[in-house]
N, C-alpha and C. Protein backbone atom coordinates (compact mmCIF):
# COMPACT_ATOMS: atom_id res chain seq x y z
N UNK A 1 17.29 1.32 -9.11
CA UNK A 1 17.03 2.32 -8.10
C UNK A 1 17.45 1.78 -6.74
N UNK A 2 17.81 2.69 -5.85
CA UNK A 2 18.23 2.28 -4.52
C UNK A 2 17.05 1.98 -3.61
N UNK A 3 16.07 2.89 -3.57
CA UNK A 3 14.95 2.76 -2.64
C UNK A 3 13.63 2.99 -3.37
N UNK A 4 12.69 2.09 -3.13
CA UNK A 4 11.32 2.23 -3.64
C UNK A 4 10.41 2.48 -2.45
N UNK A 5 9.63 3.56 -2.51
CA UNK A 5 8.68 3.90 -1.45
C UNK A 5 7.29 3.72 -2.03
N UNK A 6 6.52 2.78 -1.46
CA UNK A 6 5.26 2.35 -2.05
C UNK A 6 4.01 2.99 -1.45
N UNK A 7 4.20 3.83 -0.45
CA UNK A 7 3.06 4.47 0.20
C UNK A 7 3.39 5.94 0.46
N UNK A 8 2.43 6.68 0.99
CA UNK A 8 2.63 8.10 1.26
C UNK A 8 3.42 8.24 2.56
N UNK A 9 4.73 8.31 2.43
CA UNK A 9 5.60 8.46 3.58
C UNK A 9 6.28 9.81 3.51
N UNK A 10 6.14 10.58 4.55
CA UNK A 10 6.73 11.92 4.61
C UNK A 10 7.55 12.04 5.88
N UNK A 11 8.80 12.43 5.74
CA UNK A 11 9.62 12.73 6.90
C UNK A 11 10.88 13.44 6.44
N UNK A 12 11.49 14.22 7.32
CA UNK A 12 12.74 14.88 6.96
C UNK A 12 13.84 13.88 6.60
N UNK A 13 13.84 12.72 7.23
CA UNK A 13 14.86 11.72 6.91
C UNK A 13 14.69 11.17 5.50
N UNK A 14 13.47 10.98 5.06
CA UNK A 14 13.24 10.53 3.69
C UNK A 14 13.68 11.61 2.72
N UNK A 15 13.42 12.87 3.05
CA UNK A 15 13.89 13.98 2.21
C UNK A 15 15.41 13.97 2.09
N UNK A 16 16.11 13.62 3.15
CA UNK A 16 17.57 13.53 3.10
C UNK A 16 18.02 12.37 2.23
N UNK A 17 17.28 11.25 2.28
CA UNK A 17 17.62 10.12 1.42
C UNK A 17 17.55 10.51 -0.05
N UNK A 18 16.49 11.25 -0.39
CA UNK A 18 16.29 11.67 -1.78
C UNK A 18 17.48 12.48 -2.29
N UNK A 19 18.11 13.23 -1.41
CA UNK A 19 19.27 14.04 -1.79
C UNK A 19 20.51 13.19 -2.07
N UNK A 20 20.56 11.97 -1.52
CA UNK A 20 21.80 11.19 -1.56
C UNK A 20 21.74 9.89 -2.35
N UNK A 21 20.56 9.34 -2.56
CA UNK A 21 20.45 8.07 -3.29
C UNK A 21 19.27 8.14 -4.26
N UNK A 22 19.20 7.17 -5.13
CA UNK A 22 18.11 7.10 -6.10
C UNK A 22 16.84 6.57 -5.42
N UNK A 23 15.82 7.42 -5.34
CA UNK A 23 14.57 7.06 -4.66
C UNK A 23 13.42 7.23 -5.64
N UNK A 24 12.57 6.22 -5.70
CA UNK A 24 11.34 6.31 -6.50
C UNK A 24 10.17 6.27 -5.53
N UNK A 25 9.34 7.33 -5.56
CA UNK A 25 8.17 7.41 -4.67
C UNK A 25 6.91 7.28 -5.51
N UNK A 26 6.02 6.41 -5.05
CA UNK A 26 4.70 6.28 -5.68
C UNK A 26 3.73 5.91 -4.58
N UNK A 27 2.98 6.89 -4.10
CA UNK A 27 2.10 6.70 -2.95
C UNK A 27 0.93 5.76 -3.22
N UNK A 28 0.68 5.43 -4.48
CA UNK A 28 -0.44 4.53 -4.79
C UNK A 28 0.02 3.16 -5.27
N UNK A 29 1.30 2.92 -5.26
CA UNK A 29 1.84 1.66 -5.79
C UNK A 29 1.32 0.45 -5.02
N UNK A 30 1.08 0.59 -3.75
CA UNK A 30 0.61 -0.52 -2.92
C UNK A 30 -0.76 -1.04 -3.37
N UNK A 31 -1.51 -0.24 -4.11
CA UNK A 31 -2.86 -0.63 -4.54
C UNK A 31 -2.87 -1.53 -5.77
N UNK A 32 -1.75 -1.63 -6.49
CA UNK A 32 -1.71 -2.36 -7.75
C UNK A 32 -0.55 -3.37 -7.72
N UNK A 33 -0.87 -4.63 -7.49
CA UNK A 33 0.15 -5.67 -7.34
C UNK A 33 1.01 -5.83 -8.60
N UNK A 34 0.43 -5.68 -9.78
CA UNK A 34 1.20 -5.81 -11.03
C UNK A 34 2.24 -4.69 -11.14
N UNK A 35 1.84 -3.46 -10.86
CA UNK A 35 2.78 -2.33 -10.89
C UNK A 35 3.84 -2.46 -9.80
N UNK A 36 3.43 -2.96 -8.64
CA UNK A 36 4.36 -3.15 -7.53
C UNK A 36 5.43 -4.17 -7.93
N UNK A 37 5.02 -5.28 -8.52
CA UNK A 37 5.96 -6.29 -8.97
C UNK A 37 6.95 -5.71 -9.98
N UNK A 38 6.45 -4.96 -10.92
CA UNK A 38 7.29 -4.36 -11.95
C UNK A 38 8.31 -3.39 -11.33
N UNK A 39 7.86 -2.56 -10.42
CA UNK A 39 8.75 -1.57 -9.79
C UNK A 39 9.80 -2.25 -8.92
N UNK A 40 9.44 -3.32 -8.26
CA UNK A 40 10.38 -4.02 -7.38
C UNK A 40 11.50 -4.73 -8.15
N UNK A 41 11.30 -4.95 -9.43
CA UNK A 41 12.32 -5.64 -10.23
C UNK A 41 13.66 -4.92 -10.22
N UNK A 42 13.65 -3.60 -10.05
CA UNK A 42 14.88 -2.81 -10.07
C UNK A 42 15.27 -2.26 -8.70
N UNK A 43 14.48 -2.52 -7.68
CA UNK A 43 14.72 -1.92 -6.37
C UNK A 43 15.72 -2.72 -5.54
N UNK A 44 16.59 -2.00 -4.84
CA UNK A 44 17.51 -2.64 -3.89
C UNK A 44 16.90 -2.68 -2.50
N UNK A 45 16.04 -1.70 -2.20
CA UNK A 45 15.38 -1.62 -0.90
C UNK A 45 13.96 -1.12 -1.13
N UNK A 46 13.02 -1.60 -0.33
CA UNK A 46 11.64 -1.09 -0.40
C UNK A 46 11.25 -0.61 1.00
N UNK A 47 10.60 0.56 1.03
CA UNK A 47 10.10 1.10 2.29
C UNK A 47 8.58 1.05 2.24
N UNK A 48 7.99 0.43 3.26
CA UNK A 48 6.54 0.29 3.34
C UNK A 48 6.06 0.82 4.68
N UNK A 49 4.75 0.96 4.78
CA UNK A 49 4.16 1.33 6.06
C UNK A 49 3.23 0.22 6.49
N UNK A 50 1.93 0.35 6.24
CA UNK A 50 1.01 -0.70 6.67
C UNK A 50 0.07 -1.18 5.56
N UNK A 51 0.15 -0.63 4.38
CA UNK A 51 -0.76 -1.00 3.30
C UNK A 51 -0.15 -2.02 2.33
N UNK A 52 1.15 -1.94 2.09
CA UNK A 52 1.81 -2.75 1.08
C UNK A 52 1.86 -4.22 1.50
N UNK A 53 1.41 -5.09 0.62
CA UNK A 53 1.45 -6.53 0.85
C UNK A 53 2.62 -7.12 0.07
N UNK A 54 3.66 -7.52 0.77
CA UNK A 54 4.82 -8.13 0.13
C UNK A 54 4.71 -9.65 0.26
N UNK A 55 4.00 -10.24 -0.67
CA UNK A 55 3.79 -11.68 -0.66
C UNK A 55 5.02 -12.40 -1.21
N UNK A 56 5.04 -13.72 -1.07
CA UNK A 56 6.15 -14.51 -1.62
C UNK A 56 6.25 -14.30 -3.13
N UNK A 57 5.12 -14.20 -3.81
CA UNK A 57 5.11 -13.97 -5.27
C UNK A 57 5.73 -12.62 -5.61
N UNK A 58 5.38 -11.60 -4.85
CA UNK A 58 5.94 -10.26 -5.07
C UNK A 58 7.44 -10.27 -4.82
N UNK A 59 7.87 -10.87 -3.72
CA UNK A 59 9.29 -10.90 -3.39
C UNK A 59 10.09 -11.71 -4.41
N UNK A 60 9.50 -12.73 -4.98
CA UNK A 60 10.18 -13.53 -6.00
C UNK A 60 10.48 -12.71 -7.25
N UNK A 61 9.73 -11.65 -7.47
CA UNK A 61 9.92 -10.79 -8.64
C UNK A 61 10.91 -9.65 -8.36
N UNK A 62 11.62 -9.74 -7.24
CA UNK A 62 12.53 -8.67 -6.83
C UNK A 62 13.95 -9.22 -6.67
N UNK A 63 14.63 -9.54 -7.77
CA UNK A 63 15.94 -10.19 -7.68
C UNK A 63 17.04 -9.32 -7.08
N UNK A 64 16.90 -8.01 -7.12
CA UNK A 64 17.94 -7.11 -6.61
C UNK A 64 17.68 -6.67 -5.16
N UNK A 65 16.54 -7.08 -4.60
CA UNK A 65 16.12 -6.61 -3.28
C UNK A 65 17.07 -7.10 -2.19
N UNK A 66 17.59 -6.15 -1.42
CA UNK A 66 18.49 -6.46 -0.31
C UNK A 66 17.84 -6.22 1.04
N UNK A 67 16.83 -5.34 1.09
CA UNK A 67 16.24 -5.02 2.37
C UNK A 67 14.83 -4.48 2.26
N UNK A 68 14.09 -4.63 3.36
CA UNK A 68 12.73 -4.12 3.48
C UNK A 68 12.69 -3.24 4.72
N UNK A 69 12.25 -1.99 4.55
CA UNK A 69 12.13 -1.09 5.68
C UNK A 69 10.68 -0.90 6.04
N UNK A 70 10.34 -1.09 7.30
CA UNK A 70 8.98 -0.89 7.79
C UNK A 70 8.97 0.43 8.53
N UNK A 71 8.22 1.42 8.05
CA UNK A 71 8.19 2.76 8.62
C UNK A 71 6.92 2.92 9.45
N UNK A 72 7.03 3.55 10.60
CA UNK A 72 5.87 3.83 11.41
C UNK A 72 5.96 3.18 12.78
N UNK A 73 4.95 3.46 13.57
CA UNK A 73 4.86 2.89 14.92
C UNK A 73 3.53 2.18 15.06
N UNK A 74 3.43 1.38 16.08
CA UNK A 74 2.17 0.68 16.33
C UNK A 74 2.29 -0.80 16.08
N UNK A 75 1.20 -1.38 15.66
CA UNK A 75 1.10 -2.81 15.45
C UNK A 75 2.14 -3.31 14.45
N UNK A 76 2.87 -4.32 14.82
CA UNK A 76 3.83 -4.93 13.91
C UNK A 76 3.11 -6.00 13.12
N UNK A 77 3.10 -5.85 11.80
CA UNK A 77 2.37 -6.78 10.95
C UNK A 77 3.28 -7.54 10.00
N UNK A 78 4.57 -7.54 10.26
CA UNK A 78 5.54 -8.20 9.38
C UNK A 78 5.66 -9.67 9.76
N UNK A 79 5.51 -10.53 8.78
CA UNK A 79 5.65 -11.96 9.01
C UNK A 79 6.55 -12.53 7.93
N UNK A 80 7.52 -13.30 8.33
CA UNK A 80 8.40 -13.94 7.37
C UNK A 80 8.61 -15.38 7.83
N UNK A 81 7.97 -16.31 7.18
CA UNK A 81 8.10 -17.71 7.57
C UNK A 81 9.43 -18.30 7.14
N UNK A 82 9.84 -17.99 5.94
CA UNK A 82 11.09 -18.52 5.41
C UNK A 82 11.77 -17.42 4.60
N UNK A 83 13.00 -17.12 4.90
CA UNK A 83 13.69 -16.07 4.14
C UNK A 83 13.80 -16.43 2.67
N UNK A 84 13.43 -15.51 1.76
CA UNK A 84 13.56 -15.79 0.34
C UNK A 84 15.02 -15.90 -0.08
N UNK A 85 15.32 -16.81 -0.98
CA UNK A 85 16.66 -16.98 -1.56
C UNK A 85 17.76 -17.08 -0.50
N UNK A 86 17.46 -17.76 0.59
CA UNK A 86 18.43 -18.01 1.65
C UNK A 86 19.05 -16.74 2.23
N UNK A 87 18.34 -15.66 2.15
CA UNK A 87 18.83 -14.40 2.72
C UNK A 87 18.69 -14.45 4.24
N UNK A 88 19.43 -13.62 4.89
CA UNK A 88 19.34 -13.55 6.34
C UNK A 88 18.46 -12.36 6.70
N UNK A 89 17.35 -12.63 7.37
CA UNK A 89 16.39 -11.58 7.72
C UNK A 89 16.36 -11.40 9.22
N UNK A 90 16.25 -10.19 9.65
CA UNK A 90 16.14 -9.89 11.07
C UNK A 90 14.95 -8.95 11.26
N UNK A 91 13.95 -9.40 11.98
CA UNK A 91 12.78 -8.57 12.27
C UNK A 91 12.88 -8.13 13.72
N UNK A 92 12.77 -6.85 13.94
CA UNK A 92 12.90 -6.31 15.28
C UNK A 92 11.72 -5.41 15.58
N UNK A 93 11.13 -5.59 16.73
CA UNK A 93 10.03 -4.73 17.15
C UNK A 93 10.58 -3.68 18.10
N UNK A 94 10.25 -2.45 17.83
CA UNK A 94 10.67 -1.39 18.74
C UNK A 94 9.43 -0.75 19.33
N UNK A 95 9.53 -0.35 20.57
CA UNK A 95 8.39 0.28 21.26
C UNK A 95 8.77 1.68 21.71
N UNK A 96 7.79 2.52 21.64
CA UNK A 96 7.98 3.88 22.15
C UNK A 96 7.71 3.90 23.64
N UNK A 97 8.54 4.56 24.37
CA UNK A 97 8.30 4.71 25.81
C UNK A 97 7.77 6.10 26.05
N UNK A 98 6.88 6.19 26.99
CA UNK A 98 6.28 7.50 27.31
C UNK A 98 6.66 7.94 28.68
């Protein structure tokens, strides 16, 4: 699959993705680490919000994973001490201006 969505994410852009690529949505997947690991085995990208815990163990079970998308605004809770499998990771914080 191209994209795995592990939480309840709703937006017109996600609806457009579904029309163009293989997307698997499971709004409760973040609650079950064993199911999450299994689903990530085939995912090229995972989209999370604030509930999904992507630990080193979980990421090690995702050999096809190319990217992680963090959806939403507010507190940035993404931490990556060492990129898995020598991948190049870029974490960027964006702020909304009012």
